[in-house]
Amino acid sequence: MSVKQLVIAVDGTAEMGFYWAPILSDYLVKIIRYLCGQNLTGQEASGGRVELSLVMYNSHGPYSGFLTQDSRTTRSMGTFLQWLSAISFSGDGYDDLAIAEGLADALLMFPRHPHGTQTQQRLLGRRHCILVAASNPFPFPIPVHLPKIQNLQGAQISGATTEFSLADPNMVAKLFTQCCVSLSVISPKQLPKLREIYNSANSNLQGENSLVNGMNPQFLILISKNFPEAHAALNEYNVTSTPSIQNPV
């Protein structure tokens, strides 16, 4: 069975630390357990092998010890949940976040594939990223390391090579679709800039934006339609309500 991948890109500032416990318990743990094959009753859900990765990013402020940290990957659900539970948050949280850098690092965690239509169909629904943020992104283009998208003999090559490019968070988010990676967003605040990032990565999907608004109505919970396990997990735990259209402000 093909390996599924989930990369969680987490805001490492102290501001996120205030909200981390409910985000972890009410959303991330449920999604991870379901993706790894464990549903509410403890029975097998989606099944299959799952590769789990953590990317940490911080802010551009003078008190941030890092912009991004070395990523870690495991196929052990227990180990991954321990990593998430042990995150140490630092920095003041008042400066704009290094979201472009965090998303770029997350994107590079996925293997690079030449993909025509057949390969795209195989990858869709198997490669997922969740952006977790408590503040607005740094809004200006900055140099980031990104997969290079090429078209050779009618086939799109996503990230066979990489390059440094000037990009803002929305520009990086648009590459997720080209690399067959779903992008979802979880935030403890209703921040329009984060919704814009979600929309940039999901603009090719028809119909309503997939808004999941659950037990924490002040939170911004946007789950990609290409991440069915996340929808199933949150629905199973009665976290979700009916999706509705939410346009960026």
C-alpha atoms as a PDB file:
ATOM      1  CA  MET A   1       0.000   0.000   0.000  1.00  0.00           C
ATOM      2  CA  SER A   2       1.300   3.477  -0.847  1.00  0.00           C
ATOM      3  CA  VAL A   3       2.694   5.597   1.947  1.00  0.00           C
ATOM      4  CA  LYS A   4       0.627   8.571   3.060  1.00  0.00           C
ATOM      5  CA  GLN A   5       2.391  11.681   4.303  1.00  0.00           C
ATOM      6  CA  LEU A   6       1.408  14.383   6.762  1.00  0.00           C
ATOM      7  CA  VAL A   7       3.607  17.385   7.540  1.00  0.00           C
ATOM      8  CA  ILE A   8       2.520  19.717  10.352  1.00  0.00           C
ATOM      9  CA  ALA A   9       4.099  23.190  10.219  1.00  0.00           C
ATOM     10  CA  VAL A  10       3.816  24.731  13.696  1.00  0.00           C
ATOM     11  CA  ASP A  11       4.223  28.353  14.799  1.00  0.00           C
ATOM     12  CA  GLY A  12       6.849  28.140  17.536  1.00  0.00           C
ATOM     13  CA  THR A  13       6.188  31.521  19.172  1.00  0.00           C
ATOM     14  CA  ALA A  14       5.017  32.020  22.741  1.00  0.00           C
ATOM     15  CA  GLU A  15       1.713  33.333  21.376  1.00  0.00           C
ATOM     16  CA  MET A  16       0.901  29.882  19.990  1.00  0.00           C
ATOM     17  CA  GLY A  17       1.851  28.339  23.317  1.00  0.00           C
ATOM     18  CA  PHE A  18      -1.256  29.834  24.941  1.00  0.00           C
ATOM     19  CA  TYR A  19      -3.519  27.906  22.542  1.00  0.00           C
ATOM     20  CA  TRP A  20      -1.500  24.767  21.839  1.00  0.00           C
ATOM     21  CA  ALA A  21      -3.271  22.410  24.257  1.00  0.00           C
ATOM     22  CA  PRO A  22      -6.764  22.680  22.664  1.00  0.00           C
ATOM     23  CA  ILE A  23      -5.346  22.747  19.131  1.00  0.00           C
ATOM     24  CA  LEU A  24      -3.424  19.550  19.820  1.00  0.00           C
ATOM     25  CA  SER A  25      -6.168  17.664  21.672  1.00  0.00           C
ATOM     26  CA  ASP A  26      -9.257  18.887  19.803  1.00  0.00           C
ATOM     27  CA  TYR A  27      -7.900  18.727  16.248  1.00  0.00           C
ATOM     28  CA  LEU A  28      -4.396  17.416  15.560  1.00  0.00           C
ATOM     29  CA  VAL A  29      -4.511  14.269  17.707  1.00  0.00           C
ATOM     30  CA  LYS A  30      -7.875  13.288  16.229  1.00  0.00           C
ATOM     31  CA  ILE A  31      -6.669  13.809  12.656  1.00  0.00           C
ATOM     32  CA  ILE A  32      -3.397  11.959  13.238  1.00  0.00           C
ATOM     33  CA  ARG A  33      -5.056   8.976  14.916  1.00  0.00           C
ATOM     34  CA  TYR A  34      -7.608   8.647  12.135  1.00  0.00           C
ATOM     35  CA  LEU A  35      -4.996   8.993   9.391  1.00  0.00           C
ATOM     36  CA  CYS A  36      -2.896   6.317  11.079  1.00  0.00           C
ATOM     37  CA  GLY A  37      -5.850   3.960  11.216  1.00  0.00           C
ATOM     38  CA  GLN A  38      -7.378   4.466  14.648  1.00  0.00           C
ATOM     39  CA  ASN A  39     -10.930   5.820  14.863  1.00  0.00           C
ATOM     40  CA  LEU A  40     -13.129   6.717  17.836  1.00  0.00           C
ATOM     41  CA  THR A  41     -13.863   3.082  18.712  1.00  0.00           C
ATOM     42  CA  GLY A  42     -10.237   2.018  18.343  1.00  0.00           C
ATOM     43  CA  GLN A  43     -11.040   0.136  15.136  1.00  0.00           C
ATOM     44  CA  GLU A  44      -9.038   0.480  11.940  1.00  0.00           C
ATOM     45  CA  ALA A  45     -10.065   3.556   9.942  1.00  0.00           C
ATOM     46  CA  SER A  46      -8.073   4.572   6.881  1.00  0.00           C
ATOM     47  CA  GLY A  47      -5.211   2.107   7.367  1.00  0.00           C
ATOM     48  CA  GLY A  48      -1.926   1.997   5.483  1.00  0.00           C
ATOM     49  CA  ARG A  49       1.524   3.304   6.261  1.00  0.00           C
ATOM     50  CA  VAL A  50       1.840   6.948   7.279  1.00  0.00           C
ATOM     51  CA  GLU A  51       4.945   9.131   7.375  1.00  0.00           C
ATOM     52  CA  LEU A  52       4.600  11.969   9.895  1.00  0.00           C
ATOM     53  CA  SER A  53       6.810  15.071   9.877  1.00  0.00           C
ATOM     54  CA  LEU A  54       7.126  18.180  12.038  1.00  0.00           C
ATOM     55  CA  VAL A  55       8.343  21.580  10.825  1.00  0.00           C
ATOM     56  CA  MET A  56       8.800  24.434  13.309  1.00  0.00           C
ATOM     57  CA  TYR A  57       8.955  28.102  12.295  1.00  0.00           C
ATOM     58  CA  ASN A  58       9.083  31.334  14.286  1.00  0.00           C
ATOM     59  CA  SER A  59       8.740  35.075  13.674  1.00  0.00           C
ATOM     60  CA  HIS A  60      10.947  37.701  12.059  1.00  0.00           C
ATOM     61  CA  GLY A  61      11.321  39.625  15.324  1.00  0.00           C
ATOM     62  CA  PRO A  62      14.562  40.311  17.238  1.00  0.00           C
ATOM     63  CA  TYR A  63      13.633  37.895  20.034  1.00  0.00           C
ATOM     64  CA  SER A  64      13.198  34.840  17.820  1.00  0.00           C
ATOM     65  CA  GLY A  65      15.875  32.240  18.268  1.00  0.00           C
ATOM     66  CA  PHE A  66      15.239  30.756  14.803  1.00  0.00           C
ATOM     67  CA  LEU A  67      13.176  31.242  11.645  1.00  0.00           C
ATOM     68  CA  THR A  68      12.804  27.525  10.948  1.00  0.00           C
ATOM     69  CA  GLN A  69      14.145  24.476  12.759  1.00  0.00           C
ATOM     70  CA  ASP A  70      15.395  21.168  11.431  1.00  0.00           C
ATOM     71  CA  SER A  71      12.463  18.963  10.484  1.00  0.00           C
ATOM     72  CA  ARG A  72      11.868  15.501  11.921  1.00  0.00           C
ATOM     73  CA  THR A  73      10.099  12.509  10.392  1.00  0.00           C
ATOM     74  CA  THR A  74       8.807   9.241  11.841  1.00  0.00           C
ATOM     75  CA  ARG A  75       6.384   6.447  11.010  1.00  0.00           C
ATOM     76  CA  SER A  76       5.556   5.949  14.688  1.00  0.00           C
ATOM     77  CA  MET A  77       2.317   7.665  15.682  1.00  0.00           C
ATOM     78  CA  GLY A  78       3.275   7.491  19.353  1.00  0.00           C
ATOM     79  CA  THR A  79       6.640   9.123  18.739  1.00  0.00           C
ATOM     80  CA  PHE A  80       5.067  11.868  16.665  1.00  0.00           C
ATOM     81  CA  LEU A  81       2.459  12.649  19.306  1.00  0.00           C
ATOM     82  CA  GLN A  82       5.251  12.834  21.884  1.00  0.00           C
ATOM     83  CA  TRP A  83       7.069  15.358  19.701  1.00  0.00           C
ATOM     84  CA  LEU A  84       3.957  17.502  19.453  1.00  0.00           C
ATOM     85  CA  SER A  85       3.318  17.310  23.200  1.00  0.00           C
ATOM     86  CA  ALA A  86       6.897  18.317  23.999  1.00  0.00           C
ATOM     87  CA  ILE A  87       7.112  21.437  21.798  1.00  0.00           C
ATOM     88  CA  SER A  88       8.706  24.393  23.596  1.00  0.00           C
ATOM     89  CA  PHE A  89       7.363  27.755  22.445  1.00  0.00           C
ATOM     90  CA  SER A  90       9.529  30.890  22.560  1.00  0.00           C
ATOM     91  CA  GLY A  91       9.670  34.442  21.228  1.00  0.00           C
ATOM     92  CA  ASP A  92       7.289  37.309  21.853  1.00  0.00           C
ATOM     93  CA  GLY A  93       4.707  36.407  19.200  1.00  0.00           C
ATOM     94  CA  TYR A  94       4.070  40.041  18.298  1.00  0.00           C
ATOM     95  CA  ASP A  95       6.043  40.043  15.050  1.00  0.00           C
ATOM     96  CA  ASP A  96       4.962  38.673  11.676  1.00  0.00           C
ATOM     97  CA  LEU A  97       5.539  34.949  11.308  1.00  0.00           C
ATOM     98  CA  ALA A  98       8.021  33.262   8.984  1.00  0.00           C
ATOM     99  CA  ILE A  99       5.194  31.343   7.321  1.00  0.00           C
ATOM    100  CA  ALA A 100       6.716  31.461   3.829  1.00  0.00           C
ATOM    101  CA  GLU A 101       9.847  29.788   5.193  1.00  0.00           C
ATOM    102  CA  GLY A 102       7.821  27.258   7.177  1.00  0.00           C
ATOM    103  CA  LEU A 103       5.657  26.300   4.211  1.00  0.00           C
ATOM    104  CA  ALA A 104       8.708  26.072   1.946  1.00  0.00           C
ATOM    105  CA  ASP A 105      10.430  23.711   4.384  1.00  0.00           C
ATOM    106  CA  ALA A 106       7.239  21.655   4.638  1.00  0.00           C
ATOM    107  CA  LEU A 107       6.946  21.389   0.858  1.00  0.00           C
ATOM    108  CA  LEU A 108      10.504  20.118   0.579  1.00  0.00           C
ATOM    109  CA  MET A 109       9.621  17.241   2.934  1.00  0.00           C
ATOM    110  CA  PHE A 110       7.622  15.583   0.155  1.00  0.00           C
ATOM    111  CA  PRO A 111       9.440  13.433  -2.440  1.00  0.00           C
ATOM    112  CA  ARG A 112       9.790  15.034  -5.821  1.00  0.00           C
ATOM    113  CA  HIS A 113       7.939  13.338  -8.665  1.00  0.00           C
ATOM    114  CA  PRO A 114       7.548  13.837 -12.390  1.00  0.00           C
ATOM    115  CA  HIS A 115       3.797  13.681 -12.699  1.00  0.00           C
ATOM    116  CA  GLY A 116       1.442  13.533 -15.576  1.00  0.00           C
ATOM    117  CA  THR A 117      -2.256  12.826 -15.114  1.00  0.00           C
ATOM    118  CA  GLN A 118      -1.778   9.268 -13.847  1.00  0.00           C
ATOM    119  CA  THR A 119       0.796  10.208 -11.233  1.00  0.00           C
ATOM    120  CA  GLN A 120      -1.252  13.196 -10.090  1.00  0.00           C
ATOM    121  CA  GLN A 121      -4.253  10.945  -9.482  1.00  0.00           C
ATOM    122  CA  ARG A 122      -2.061   8.562  -7.486  1.00  0.00           C
ATOM    123  CA  LEU A 123      -0.621  11.332  -5.290  1.00  0.00           C
ATOM    124  CA  LEU A 124      -3.803  13.316  -4.662  1.00  0.00           C
ATOM    125  CA  GLY A 125      -5.234  12.505  -1.264  1.00  0.00           C
ATOM    126  CA  ARG A 126      -1.967  10.990  -0.002  1.00  0.00           C
ATOM    127  CA  ARG A 127       0.176  14.090   0.685  1.00  0.00           C
ATOM    128  CA  HIS A 128      -1.040  16.579   3.290  1.00  0.00           C
ATOM    129  CA  CYS A 129       0.219  19.608   5.190  1.00  0.00           C
ATOM    130  CA  ILE A 130      -1.422  21.423   8.108  1.00  0.00           C
ATOM    131  CA  LEU A 131      -0.292  24.984   8.825  1.00  0.00           C
ATOM    132  CA  VAL A 132      -0.758  25.944  12.488  1.00  0.00           C
ATOM    133  CA  ALA A 133      -0.356  29.676  13.180  1.00  0.00           C
ATOM    134  CA  ALA A 134      -1.410  32.207  15.821  1.00  0.00           C
ATOM    135  CA  SER A 135      -0.316  35.442  14.107  1.00  0.00           C
ATOM    136  CA  ASN A 136      -0.162  37.063  10.686  1.00  0.00           C
ATOM    137  CA  PRO A 137       2.512  36.097   8.148  1.00  0.00           C
ATOM    138  CA  PHE A 138       5.433  38.294   7.144  1.00  0.00           C
ATOM    139  CA  PRO A 139       3.809  39.861   4.061  1.00  0.00           C
ATOM    140  CA  PHE A 140       6.737  40.585   1.742  1.00  0.00           C
ATOM    141  CA  PRO A 141       8.590  38.280  -0.666  1.00  0.00           C
ATOM    142  CA  ILE A 142      11.759  36.795   0.788  1.00  0.00           C
ATOM    143  CA  PRO A 143      14.318  34.256  -0.502  1.00  0.00           C
ATOM    144  CA  VAL A 144      13.105  30.716   0.152  1.00  0.00           C
ATOM    145  CA  HIS A 145      14.195  27.279  -1.059  1.00  0.00           C
ATOM    146  CA  LEU A 146      11.408  25.844  -3.240  1.00  0.00           C
ATOM    147  CA  PRO A 147      10.723  22.940  -5.601  1.00  0.00           C
ATOM    148  CA  LYS A 148      11.296  23.983  -9.198  1.00  0.00           C
ATOM    149  CA  ILE A 149       8.314  23.347 -11.469  1.00  0.00           C
ATOM    150  CA  GLN A 150       9.266  22.405 -15.029  1.00  0.00           C
ATOM    151  CA  ASN A 151       7.359  21.230 -18.076  1.00  0.00           C
ATOM    152  CA  LEU A 152       9.280  18.685 -20.127  1.00  0.00           C
ATOM    153  CA  GLN A 153       7.762  16.844 -23.095  1.00  0.00           C
ATOM    154  CA  GLY A 154       4.243  17.452 -21.843  1.00  0.00           C
ATOM    155  CA  ALA A 155       4.910  16.171 -18.319  1.00  0.00           C
ATOM    156  CA  GLN A 156       5.096  18.489 -15.332  1.00  0.00           C
ATOM    157  CA  ILE A 157       8.140  17.880 -13.152  1.00  0.00           C
ATOM    158  CA  SER A 158       7.402  19.074  -9.616  1.00  0.00           C
ATOM    159  CA  GLY A 159      10.510  19.613  -7.580  1.00  0.00           C
ATOM    160  CA  ALA A 160      12.870  17.301  -9.447  1.00  0.00           C
ATOM    161  CA  THR A 161      15.264  20.139  -8.644  1.00  0.00           C
ATOM    162  CA  THR A 162      15.049  23.013  -6.187  1.00  0.00           C
ATOM    163  CA  GLU A 163      15.896  26.685  -6.369  1.00  0.00           C
ATOM    164  CA  PHE A 164      15.997  29.831  -4.254  1.00  0.00           C
ATOM    165  CA  SER A 165      13.190  32.203  -5.191  1.00  0.00           C
ATOM    166  CA  LEU A 166      11.673  35.404  -3.872  1.00  0.00           C
ATOM    167  CA  ALA A 167       8.217  34.442  -2.625  1.00  0.00           C
ATOM    168  CA  ASP A 168       5.580  35.532  -0.138  1.00  0.00           C
ATOM    169  CA  PRO A 169       3.371  33.039   1.758  1.00  0.00           C
ATOM    170  CA  ASN A 170       0.621  33.062  -0.874  1.00  0.00           C
ATOM    171  CA  MET A 171       3.107  32.353  -3.660  1.00  0.00           C
ATOM    172  CA  VAL A 172       4.496  29.391  -1.718  1.00  0.00           C
ATOM    173  CA  ALA A 173       0.977  28.126  -0.972  1.00  0.00           C
ATOM    174  CA  LYS A 174       0.121  28.052  -4.683  1.00  0.00           C
ATOM    175  CA  LEU A 175       2.919  25.535  -5.241  1.00  0.00           C
ATOM    176  CA  PHE A 176       1.174  22.997  -3.018  1.00  0.00           C
ATOM    177  CA  THR A 177      -1.407  22.295  -5.718  1.00  0.00           C
ATOM    178  CA  GLN A 178       1.301  21.855  -8.363  1.00  0.00           C
ATOM    179  CA  CYS A 179       3.133  19.432  -6.075  1.00  0.00           C
ATOM    180  CA  CYS A 180      -0.055  17.442  -5.304  1.00  0.00           C
ATOM    181  CA  VAL A 181      -0.032  18.362  -1.603  1.00  0.00           C
ATOM    182  CA  SER A 182      -3.173  19.456   0.238  1.00  0.00           C
ATOM    183  CA  LEU A 183      -2.849  22.451   2.567  1.00  0.00           C
ATOM    184  CA  SER A 184      -5.109  22.999   5.575  1.00  0.00           C
ATOM    185  CA  VAL A 185      -4.969  25.784   8.172  1.00  0.00           C
ATOM    186  CA  ILE A 186      -5.611  25.780  11.922  1.00  0.00           C
ATOM    187  CA  SER A 187      -5.427  29.007  13.924  1.00  0.00           C
ATOM    188  CA  PRO A 188      -6.779  30.127  17.305  1.00  0.00           C
ATOM    189  CA  LYS A 189      -7.739  33.433  15.680  1.00  0.00           C
ATOM    190  CA  GLN A 190      -9.885  34.476  12.730  1.00  0.00           C
ATOM    191  CA  LEU A 191      -7.048  36.015  10.698  1.00  0.00           C
ATOM    192  CA  PRO A 192      -7.957  36.934   7.085  1.00  0.00           C
ATOM    193  CA  LYS A 193      -4.322  36.635   5.957  1.00  0.00           C
ATOM    194  CA  LEU A 194      -4.289  32.973   6.947  1.00  0.00           C
ATOM    195  CA  ARG A 195      -7.519  32.406   5.052  1.00  0.00           C
ATOM    196  CA  GLU A 196      -5.858  33.937   1.993  1.00  0.00           C
ATOM    197  CA  ILE A 197      -3.026  31.421   2.286  1.00  0.00           C
ATOM    198  CA  TYR A 198      -5.546  28.578   2.456  1.00  0.00           C
ATOM    199  CA  ASN A 199      -7.413  29.919  -0.568  1.00  0.00           C
ATOM    200  CA  SER A 200      -4.169  30.244  -2.544  1.00  0.00           C
ATOM    201  CA  ALA A 201      -3.503  26.536  -2.043  1.00  0.00           C
ATOM    202  CA  ASN A 202      -7.098  25.460  -2.729  1.00  0.00           C
ATOM    203  CA  SER A 203      -8.188  27.800  -5.519  1.00  0.00           C
ATOM    204  CA  ASN A 204      -8.523  24.921  -7.988  1.00  0.00           C
ATOM    205  CA  LEU A 205     -11.214  23.191  -5.908  1.00  0.00           C
ATOM    206  CA  GLN A 206     -14.777  23.802  -7.024  1.00  0.00           C
ATOM    207  CA  GLY A 207     -17.635  24.701  -4.713  1.00  0.00           C
ATOM    208  CA  GLU A 208     -17.522  26.060  -1.202  1.00  0.00           C
ATOM    209  CA  ASN A 209     -14.394  26.680   0.757  1.00  0.00           C
ATOM    210  CA  SER A 210     -14.148  23.845   3.221  1.00  0.00           C
ATOM    211  CA  LEU A 211     -14.674  25.509   6.577  1.00  0.00           C
ATOM    212  CA  VAL A 212     -14.789  23.303   9.642  1.00  0.00           C
ATOM    213  CA  ASN A 213     -16.009  25.267  12.652  1.00  0.00           C
ATOM    214  CA  GLY A 214     -16.272  23.189  15.772  1.00  0.00           C
ATOM    215  CA  MET A 215     -16.078  23.297  19.541  1.00  0.00           C
ATOM    216  CA  ASN A 216     -13.886  26.415  19.480  1.00  0.00           C
ATOM    217  CA  PRO A 217     -15.902  28.876  17.364  1.00  0.00           C
ATOM    218  CA  GLN A 218     -13.279  31.597  17.678  1.00  0.00           C
ATOM    219  CA  PHE A 219     -10.739  29.350  15.931  1.00  0.00           C
ATOM    220  CA  LEU A 220     -10.085  29.368  12.191  1.00  0.00           C
ATOM    221  CA  ILE A 221     -10.246  25.739  11.040  1.00  0.00           C
ATOM    222  CA  LEU A 222      -9.919  25.260   7.274  1.00  0.00           C
ATOM    223  CA  ILE A 223      -9.517  21.680   6.061  1.00  0.00           C
ATOM    224  CA  SER A 224      -8.751  20.980   2.410  1.00  0.00           C
ATOM    225  CA  LYS A 225     -11.288  18.924   0.481  1.00  0.00           C
ATOM    226  CA  ASN A 226      -8.333  16.806  -0.640  1.00  0.00           C
ATOM    227  CA  PHE A 227      -7.806  15.664   2.973  1.00  0.00           C
ATOM    228  CA  PRO A 228     -10.821  13.364   3.513  1.00  0.00           C
ATOM    229  CA  GLU A 229      -9.346  11.635   6.566  1.00  0.00           C
ATOM    230  CA  ALA A 230      -9.231  14.951   8.434  1.00  0.00           C
ATOM    231  CA  HIS A 231     -12.888  15.620   7.624  1.00  0.00           C
ATOM    232  CA  ALA A 232     -13.834  12.098   8.681  1.00  0.00           C
ATOM    233  CA  ALA A 233     -11.887  12.382  11.938  1.00  0.00           C
ATOM    234  CA  LEU A 234     -13.424  15.695  12.978  1.00  0.00           C
ATOM    235  CA  ASN A 235     -16.907  14.608  11.941  1.00  0.00           C
ATOM    236  CA  GLU A 236     -16.531  11.380  13.914  1.00  0.00           C
ATOM    237  CA  TYR A 237     -15.683  13.320  17.059  1.00  0.00           C
ATOM    238  CA  ASN A 238     -18.538  15.797  16.444  1.00  0.00           C
ATOM    239  CA  VAL A 239     -16.066  18.650  16.060  1.00  0.00           C
ATOM    240  CA  THR A 240     -17.426  19.967  12.792  1.00  0.00           C
ATOM    241  CA  SER A 241     -20.422  21.890  11.605  1.00  0.00           C
ATOM    242  CA  THR A 242     -21.766  22.402   8.102  1.00  0.00           C
ATOM    243  CA  PRO A 243     -19.185  24.000   5.774  1.00  0.00           C
ATOM    244  CA  SER A 244     -19.996  27.504   4.624  1.00  0.00           C
ATOM    245  CA  ILE A 245     -18.554  29.979   2.169  1.00  0.00           C
ATOM    246  CA  GLN A 246     -16.167  32.426   3.794  1.00  0.00           C
ATOM    247  CA  ASN A 247     -14.575  35.011   1.541  1.00  0.00           C
ATOM    248  CA  PRO A 248     -11.278  36.704   2.432  1.00  0.00           C
ATOM    249  CA  VAL A 249     -11.661  40.142   3.980  1.00  0.00           C
END
